[in-house]
Amino acid sequence: MPQNLISELKTRNEKTLEHLQATLLGIRTGRAHPALVEDIKVDYFGTPTSIKNMSSVNVPEARQILITPWDKSAIQAIEKAIQTSSLGINPQSDGESIRLNLPELTQERRVDLSKIVNKNAEEARIAIRNTRRDANEGLKKMEKASDITEDDLKNYQKEVQDHTDEFIGKIDSMAEIKEKEIMDI
């Protein structure tokens, strides 16, 4: 039964890492990447729909994103969604597709983006620590119910801590890599 707790811990921590990775992909680094716009929600016939579900998103150049909607009537809605997003980019439409030209990042904006990366990384660390707490509480309940011995409790808690340290190390390295990308000029 303690192995179930530990496997659940691993699963939840993996999901936290995946979420952080997806979030970090959406942060601008000076280079164009489809993930910058894919998850922006567009009001498409009254339904919030992400851009990736209603168009193809390509990167023809290092600083340009090309969005080609499958339904040409959605171009204005996509433009409006991009303008109201936190990207700070003005879309250019030719009636068939939308081009986003990414300007060079200023040093001030790089510092702001770096702070956002650190904030997201800290939120992920908190989520990892919460899974550790939940697992340890479950192990203590098992020990009180005499399902495991006190020695087993200590061993399982050490295993939980080892997994926590491993995942926090992964989060730190992901944040460090993203920060380095942002600060590269």
Protein backbone atom coordinates (compact mmCIF):
# COMPACT_ATOMS: atom_id res chain seq x y z
CA MET A 1 0.00 0.00 0.00
CA PRO A 2 2.83 2.51 0.64
CA GLN A 3 4.04 1.78 -2.90
CA ASN A 4 0.68 3.07 -4.17
CA LEU A 5 1.28 6.34 -2.34
CA ILE A 6 4.77 6.65 -3.80
CA SER A 7 3.62 5.86 -7.35
CA GLU A 8 0.84 8.44 -6.97
CA LEU A 9 3.47 10.93 -5.77
CA LYS A 10 5.57 10.26 -8.88
CA THR A 11 2.55 10.61 -11.16
CA ARG A 12 1.48 13.92 -9.63
CA ASN A 13 5.04 15.25 -9.75
CA GLU A 14 5.41 14.25 -13.42
CA LYS A 15 2.20 16.15 -14.21
CA THR A 16 3.56 19.18 -12.37
CA LEU A 17 6.73 19.04 -14.48
CA GLU A 18 4.71 18.71 -17.70
CA HIS A 19 2.59 21.70 -16.72
CA LEU A 20 5.68 23.78 -15.92
CA GLN A 21 7.29 22.81 -19.20
CA ALA A 22 4.17 23.84 -21.15
CA THR A 23 4.00 27.12 -19.23
CA LEU A 24 7.66 27.89 -19.88
CA LEU A 25 7.23 27.20 -23.60
CA GLY A 26 4.61 29.95 -23.68
CA ILE A 27 7.05 32.54 -22.36
CA ARG A 28 8.75 34.58 -25.05
CA THR A 29 12.49 34.27 -25.38
CA GLY A 30 13.16 36.50 -28.38
CA ARG A 31 12.65 33.61 -30.80
CA ALA A 32 9.32 32.64 -32.28
CA HIS A 33 7.73 29.42 -31.08
CA PRO A 34 4.21 28.12 -31.82
CA ALA A 35 3.58 27.58 -28.10
CA LEU A 36 3.53 31.36 -27.64
CA VAL A 37 0.09 31.56 -29.25
CA GLU A 38 -1.31 28.01 -29.39
CA ASP A 39 -3.18 28.22 -26.09
CA ILE A 40 -4.60 31.72 -26.50
CA LYS A 41 -8.38 31.41 -26.27
CA VAL A 42 -10.46 32.87 -29.09
CA ASP A 43 -14.18 33.60 -28.81
CA TYR A 44 -15.24 31.39 -31.72
CA PHE A 45 -19.04 31.47 -32.15
CA GLY A 46 -19.46 32.02 -28.42
CA THR A 47 -17.12 29.21 -27.40
CA PRO A 48 -13.60 29.83 -26.07
CA THR A 49 -11.38 27.85 -28.44
CA SER A 50 -7.59 27.71 -28.43
CA ILE A 51 -5.78 28.90 -31.56
CA LYS A 52 -4.17 25.49 -32.09
CA ASN A 53 -7.63 23.90 -32.41
CA MET A 54 -8.77 26.27 -35.14
CA SER A 55 -5.69 26.96 -37.25
CA SER A 56 -2.21 25.89 -38.18
CA VAL A 57 0.61 27.73 -36.42
CA ASN A 58 3.99 27.89 -38.17
CA VAL A 59 7.30 29.67 -37.67
CA PRO A 60 8.55 30.73 -41.14
CA GLU A 61 11.35 32.90 -39.70
CA ALA A 62 13.15 33.19 -36.37
CA ARG A 63 11.07 36.18 -35.27
CA GLN A 64 7.79 35.51 -37.02
CA ILE A 65 4.74 33.35 -36.33
CA LEU A 66 2.26 32.58 -39.09
CA ILE A 67 -1.29 31.62 -38.12
CA THR A 68 -3.49 30.22 -40.88
CA PRO A 69 -7.06 29.62 -39.68
CA TRP A 70 -9.03 26.81 -41.27
CA ASP A 71 -12.12 29.02 -41.20
CA LYS A 72 -11.21 32.39 -42.74
CA SER A 73 -14.16 34.06 -40.96
CA ALA A 74 -12.31 33.53 -37.68
CA ILE A 75 -9.40 35.83 -38.59
CA GLN A 76 -10.85 38.89 -36.84
CA ALA A 77 -11.63 36.91 -33.69
CA ILE A 78 -8.07 35.52 -33.61
CA GLU A 79 -6.62 39.01 -34.12
CA LYS A 80 -8.72 40.36 -31.25
CA ALA A 81 -7.66 37.50 -28.95
CA ILE A 82 -3.97 38.10 -29.73
CA GLN A 83 -4.32 41.84 -29.12
CA THR A 84 -5.93 41.27 -25.71
CA SER A 85 -3.39 38.59 -24.71
CA SER A 86 -0.30 39.29 -22.62
CA LEU A 87 2.00 38.91 -25.65
CA GLY A 88 2.01 42.61 -26.43
CA ILE A 89 2.20 42.00 -30.19
CA ASN A 90 0.06 43.60 -32.87
CA PRO A 91 -1.10 41.00 -35.44
CA GLN A 92 -0.98 41.73 -39.18
CA SER A 93 -3.64 40.11 -41.35
CA ASP A 94 -3.75 39.69 -45.12
CA GLY A 95 -7.23 38.14 -45.20
CA GLU A 96 -5.85 34.59 -45.47
CA SER A 97 -3.48 34.42 -42.52
CA ILE A 98 -2.13 36.37 -39.56
CA ARG A 99 1.53 37.26 -39.11
CA LEU A 100 3.08 38.11 -35.78
CA ASN A 101 6.45 39.81 -35.99
CA LEU A 102 8.23 39.50 -32.67
CA PRO A 103 10.25 42.59 -31.78
CA GLU A 104 13.63 42.40 -30.06
CA LEU A 105 13.23 42.07 -26.29
CA THR A 106 14.44 45.00 -24.21
CA GLN A 107 16.60 44.36 -21.15
CA GLU A 108 13.75 45.50 -18.90
CA ARG A 109 11.35 43.04 -20.54
CA ARG A 110 13.93 40.25 -20.21
CA VAL A 111 14.14 40.90 -16.46
CA ASP A 112 10.33 40.86 -16.21
CA LEU A 113 10.14 37.57 -18.12
CA SER A 114 12.85 36.14 -15.90
CA LYS A 115 10.74 37.02 -12.85
CA ILE A 116 7.75 35.27 -14.43
CA VAL A 117 9.86 32.15 -15.01
CA ASN A 118 10.97 32.17 -11.37
CA LYS A 119 7.37 32.64 -10.20
CA ASN A 120 6.19 29.68 -12.27
CA ALA A 121 9.08 27.56 -11.03
CA GLU A 122 8.27 28.43 -7.41
CA GLU A 123 4.62 27.47 -7.96
CA ALA A 124 5.79 24.11 -9.31
CA ARG A 125 8.12 23.65 -6.30
CA ILE A 126 5.18 24.35 -3.98
CA ALA A 127 3.07 21.75 -5.81
CA ILE A 128 5.89 19.20 -5.44
CA ARG A 129 6.22 19.95 -1.72
CA ASN A 130 2.43 19.59 -1.33
CA THR A 131 2.56 16.10 -2.86
CA ARG A 132 5.39 15.26 -0.44
CA ARG A 133 3.25 16.44 2.48
CA ASP A 134 0.25 14.40 1.31
CA ALA A 135 2.39 11.28 0.90
CA ASN A 136 3.97 11.69 4.33
CA GLU A 137 0.55 12.18 5.95
CA GLY A 138 -0.69 9.01 4.26
CA LEU A 139 2.36 7.10 5.51
CA LYS A 140 1.83 8.36 9.08
CA LYS A 141 -1.81 7.22 8.96
CA MET A 142 -0.65 3.78 7.84
CA GLU A 143 1.82 3.65 10.72
CA LYS A 144 -0.90 4.67 13.24
CA ALA A 145 -3.17 1.98 11.83
CA SER A 146 -0.28 -0.49 12.27
CA ASP A 147 -0.14 -1.22 8.54
CA ILE A 148 3.58 -0.39 8.50
CA THR A 149 6.26 -0.30 11.21
CA GLU A 150 8.04 2.79 12.46
CA ASP A 151 11.20 1.70 10.62
CA ASP A 152 9.22 1.26 7.41
CA LEU A 153 7.75 4.73 7.94
CA LYS A 154 11.24 6.24 8.13
CA ASN A 155 12.38 4.34 5.02
CA TYR A 156 9.33 5.37 3.00
CA GLN A 157 9.64 8.98 4.14
CA LYS A 158 13.26 8.98 2.97
CA GLU A 159 12.14 7.59 -0.40
CA VAL A 160 9.47 10.30 -0.67
CA GLN A 161 12.07 12.96 0.17
CA ASP A 162 14.47 11.56 -2.45
CA HIS A 163 11.74 11.79 -5.12
CA THR A 164 10.89 15.33 -3.99
CA ASP A 165 14.54 16.40 -4.21
CA GLU A 166 14.83 14.84 -7.67
CA PHE A 167 11.79 16.70 -9.02
CA ILE A 168 12.78 20.02 -7.45
CA GLY A 169 16.20 19.62 -9.09
CA LYS A 170 14.47 19.11 -12.45
CA ILE A 171 12.37 22.24 -11.89
CA ASP A 172 15.47 24.26 -11.00
CA SER A 173 17.29 23.13 -14.14
CA MET A 174 14.25 23.87 -16.36
CA ALA A 175 13.97 27.37 -14.89
CA GLU A 176 17.70 27.96 -15.26
CA ILE A 177 17.68 26.91 -18.93
CA LYS A 178 14.67 29.13 -19.68
CA GLU A 179 16.24 32.08 -17.88
CA LYS A 180 19.42 31.64 -19.89
CA GLU A 181 17.34 31.62 -23.12
CA ILE A 182 15.59 34.83 -22.09
CA MET A 183 18.75 36.65 -21.09
CA ASP A 184 20.65 35.67 -24.26
CA ILE A 185 20.88 38.69 -26.52
